[in-house]
Amino acid sequence: MDKWEDDIKRYINGEMSTEEQHALEKRALRDPFLADALEGAGLIAAEDFTNDIKDLNAEIGKEQMNTKE
C-alpha cells in the first residue's frame, strides 16, 4: 500500500509531473481499486487522506497480530 499511498498523496497534492499524473491515470483505467482510491481521495483533504491511511494501516497491523496468536 505504501507505493500507492505515496502516489495518491502526490497526485492529490499536485506534486506529480504531467507525465506522472498521466501514467497514474492510465494505471487507474486498468485497476478498479486504484481508480476508486483516486476518486475517493480527491473528495477529501490531503491531510484527512493521510490520517485515514494511518488509521487503516494500524487496523491492519492489529488484525495481523491477532491472526498470528
N, C-alpha and C. Protein backbone atom coordinates (compact mmCIF):
# COMPACT_ATOMS: atom_id res chain seq x y z
N MET A 1 0.82 -1.20 0.00
CA MET A 1 0.00 0.00 0.00
C MET A 1 0.86 1.25 0.00
N ASP A 2 2.05 1.18 0.56
CA ASP A 2 2.86 2.39 0.68
C ASP A 2 3.11 3.06 -0.66
N LYS A 3 3.39 2.27 -1.70
CA LYS A 3 3.66 2.85 -3.01
C LYS A 3 2.43 3.60 -3.52
N TRP A 4 1.26 2.96 -3.43
CA TRP A 4 0.05 3.64 -3.88
C TRP A 4 -0.25 4.84 -3.01
N GLU A 5 -0.04 4.69 -1.72
CA GLU A 5 -0.30 5.80 -0.80
C GLU A 5 0.52 7.02 -1.20
N ASP A 6 1.80 6.83 -1.44
CA ASP A 6 2.66 7.94 -1.84
C ASP A 6 2.22 8.55 -3.17
N ASP A 7 1.91 7.69 -4.13
CA ASP A 7 1.47 8.17 -5.44
C ASP A 7 0.16 8.96 -5.33
N ILE A 8 -0.79 8.43 -4.57
CA ILE A 8 -2.08 9.10 -4.44
C ILE A 8 -1.93 10.43 -3.72
N LYS A 9 -1.12 10.46 -2.65
CA LYS A 9 -0.88 11.73 -1.94
C LYS A 9 -0.25 12.76 -2.88
N ARG A 10 0.76 12.33 -3.62
CA ARG A 10 1.41 13.26 -4.55
C ARG A 10 0.44 13.74 -5.62
N TYR A 11 -0.43 12.83 -6.08
CA TYR A 11 -1.41 13.17 -7.11
C TYR A 11 -2.40 14.21 -6.60
N ILE A 12 -2.98 13.97 -5.43
CA ILE A 12 -4.00 14.91 -4.94
C ILE A 12 -3.39 16.22 -4.45
N ASN A 13 -2.10 16.21 -4.11
CA ASN A 13 -1.43 17.44 -3.70
C ASN A 13 -0.85 18.21 -4.89
N GLY A 14 -0.99 17.66 -6.09
CA GLY A 14 -0.46 18.33 -7.28
C GLY A 14 1.05 18.31 -7.35
N GLU A 15 1.68 17.28 -6.75
CA GLU A 15 3.14 17.21 -6.70
C GLU A 15 3.73 16.33 -7.80
N MET A 16 2.89 15.82 -8.69
CA MET A 16 3.37 14.98 -9.79
C MET A 16 3.53 15.81 -11.05
N SER A 17 4.49 15.39 -11.85
CA SER A 17 4.62 16.00 -13.17
C SER A 17 3.42 15.56 -14.01
N THR A 18 3.22 16.24 -15.11
CA THR A 18 2.13 15.88 -16.01
C THR A 18 2.28 14.43 -16.48
N GLU A 19 3.51 14.02 -16.76
CA GLU A 19 3.76 12.66 -17.22
C GLU A 19 3.41 11.64 -16.13
N GLU A 20 3.78 11.95 -14.89
CA GLU A 20 3.47 11.04 -13.79
C GLU A 20 1.96 10.95 -13.57
N GLN A 21 1.27 12.08 -13.65
CA GLN A 21 -0.18 12.08 -13.50
C GLN A 21 -0.83 11.22 -14.57
N HIS A 22 -0.38 11.40 -15.78
CA HIS A 22 -0.93 10.64 -16.90
C HIS A 22 -0.70 9.14 -16.71
N ALA A 23 0.50 8.77 -16.28
CA ALA A 23 0.82 7.36 -16.07
C ALA A 23 -0.06 6.77 -14.96
N LEU A 24 -0.27 7.52 -13.89
CA LEU A 24 -1.11 7.03 -12.80
C LEU A 24 -2.56 6.90 -13.25
N GLU A 25 -3.03 7.85 -14.01
CA GLU A 25 -4.40 7.80 -14.52
C GLU A 25 -4.58 6.60 -15.47
N LYS A 26 -3.56 6.31 -16.28
CA LYS A 26 -3.63 5.14 -17.17
C LYS A 26 -3.67 3.85 -16.36
N ARG A 27 -2.87 3.79 -15.29
CA ARG A 27 -2.91 2.60 -14.42
C ARG A 27 -4.28 2.45 -13.79
N ALA A 28 -4.89 3.57 -13.41
CA ALA A 28 -6.21 3.53 -12.79
C ALA A 28 -7.27 3.00 -13.75
N LEU A 29 -7.08 3.19 -15.04
CA LEU A 29 -8.02 2.65 -16.01
C LEU A 29 -8.02 1.13 -16.02
N ARG A 30 -6.89 0.55 -15.66
CA ARG A 30 -6.76 -0.92 -15.64
C ARG A 30 -6.95 -1.51 -14.23
N ASP A 31 -6.98 -0.64 -13.22
CA ASP A 31 -7.05 -1.11 -11.82
C ASP A 31 -8.22 -0.43 -11.12
N PRO A 32 -9.34 -1.12 -11.00
CA PRO A 32 -10.53 -0.51 -10.38
C PRO A 32 -10.29 -0.05 -8.95
N PHE A 33 -9.46 -0.78 -8.20
CA PHE A 33 -9.16 -0.37 -6.83
C PHE A 33 -8.45 0.98 -6.81
N LEU A 34 -7.46 1.14 -7.67
CA LEU A 34 -6.74 2.40 -7.76
C LEU A 34 -7.66 3.52 -8.22
N ALA A 35 -8.52 3.23 -9.19
CA ALA A 35 -9.46 4.24 -9.68
C ALA A 35 -10.37 4.72 -8.55
N ASP A 36 -10.89 3.78 -7.76
CA ASP A 36 -11.74 4.15 -6.63
C ASP A 36 -10.96 4.94 -5.59
N ALA A 37 -9.73 4.54 -5.35
CA ALA A 37 -8.90 5.25 -4.37
C ALA A 37 -8.63 6.68 -4.81
N LEU A 38 -8.31 6.87 -6.09
CA LEU A 38 -8.08 8.22 -6.60
C LEU A 38 -9.34 9.07 -6.50
N GLU A 39 -10.46 8.48 -6.86
CA GLU A 39 -11.71 9.22 -6.81
C GLU A 39 -12.05 9.60 -5.37
N GLY A 40 -11.95 8.66 -4.46
CA GLY A 40 -12.26 8.93 -3.07
C GLY A 40 -11.29 9.92 -2.44
N ALA A 41 -10.01 9.77 -2.73
CA ALA A 41 -9.01 10.67 -2.17
C ALA A 41 -9.21 12.09 -2.66
N GLY A 42 -9.71 12.22 -3.87
CA GLY A 42 -9.94 13.56 -4.42
C GLY A 42 -11.10 14.29 -3.76
N LEU A 43 -11.91 13.55 -3.01
CA LEU A 43 -13.08 14.15 -2.36
C LEU A 43 -12.79 14.64 -0.94
N ILE A 44 -11.60 14.31 -0.42
CA ILE A 44 -11.27 14.74 0.94
C ILE A 44 -9.96 15.51 0.92
N ALA A 45 -9.69 16.20 2.02
CA ALA A 45 -8.44 16.95 2.14
C ALA A 45 -7.27 15.98 2.21
N ALA A 46 -6.13 16.41 1.71
CA ALA A 46 -4.94 15.55 1.70
C ALA A 46 -4.57 15.11 3.11
N GLU A 47 -4.71 15.98 4.08
CA GLU A 47 -4.39 15.63 5.47
C GLU A 47 -5.33 14.54 5.98
N ASP A 48 -6.61 14.65 5.63
CA ASP A 48 -7.57 13.62 6.03
C ASP A 48 -7.23 12.28 5.38
N PHE A 49 -6.82 12.32 4.12
CA PHE A 49 -6.42 11.10 3.43
C PHE A 49 -5.25 10.44 4.17
N THR A 50 -4.25 11.24 4.51
CA THR A 50 -3.08 10.71 5.22
C THR A 50 -3.48 10.10 6.55
N ASN A 51 -4.34 10.78 7.29
CA ASN A 51 -4.79 10.26 8.58
C ASN A 51 -5.59 8.98 8.42
N ASP A 52 -6.43 8.93 7.40
CA ASP A 52 -7.23 7.72 7.15
C ASP A 52 -6.33 6.54 6.83
N ILE A 53 -5.29 6.77 6.04
CA ILE A 53 -4.36 5.69 5.69
C ILE A 53 -3.62 5.20 6.93
N LYS A 54 -3.21 6.13 7.80
CA LYS A 54 -2.54 5.73 9.04
C LYS A 54 -3.47 4.87 9.89
N ASP A 55 -4.73 5.28 9.99
CA ASP A 55 -5.70 4.51 10.77
C ASP A 55 -5.90 3.12 10.17
N LEU A 56 -6.03 3.05 8.85
CA LEU A 56 -6.21 1.75 8.19
C LEU A 56 -5.00 0.85 8.39
N ASN A 57 -3.81 1.41 8.26
CA ASN A 57 -2.60 0.61 8.46
C ASN A 57 -2.51 0.11 9.90
N ALA A 58 -2.93 0.92 10.87
CA ALA A 58 -2.93 0.50 12.27
C ALA A 58 -3.91 -0.65 12.48
N GLU A 59 -5.09 -0.55 11.88
CA GLU A 59 -6.08 -1.63 12.00
C GLU A 59 -5.60 -2.91 11.33
N ILE A 60 -4.96 -2.79 10.19
CA ILE A 60 -4.42 -3.96 9.51
C ILE A 60 -3.35 -4.61 10.37
N GLY A 61 -2.51 -3.80 10.98
CA GLY A 61 -1.48 -4.32 11.87
C GLY A 61 -2.07 -5.07 13.05
N LYS A 62 -3.15 -4.54 13.63
CA LYS A 62 -3.83 -5.21 14.73
C LYS A 62 -4.40 -6.56 14.28
N GLU A 63 -5.02 -6.56 13.12
CA GLU A 63 -5.61 -7.81 12.60
C GLU A 63 -4.53 -8.85 12.34
N GLN A 64 -3.41 -8.42 11.82
CA GLN A 64 -2.33 -9.36 11.53
C GLN A 64 -1.76 -9.94 12.83
N MET A 65 -1.68 -9.12 13.86
CA MET A 65 -1.19 -9.60 15.16
C MET A 65 -2.18 -10.60 15.75
N ASN A 66 -3.48 -10.35 15.58
CA ASN A 66 -4.50 -11.25 16.11
C ASN A 66 -4.50 -12.60 15.40
N THR A 67 -4.20 -12.61 14.12
CA THR A 67 -4.19 -13.88 13.39
C THR A 67 -2.95 -14.69 13.68
N LYS A 68 -1.88 -14.06 14.15
CA LYS A 68 -0.66 -14.77 14.49
C LYS A 68 -0.77 -15.45 15.85
N GLU A 69 -1.67 -15.00 16.66
CA GLU A 69 -1.80 -15.55 18.03
C GLU A 69 -2.53 -16.86 18.04
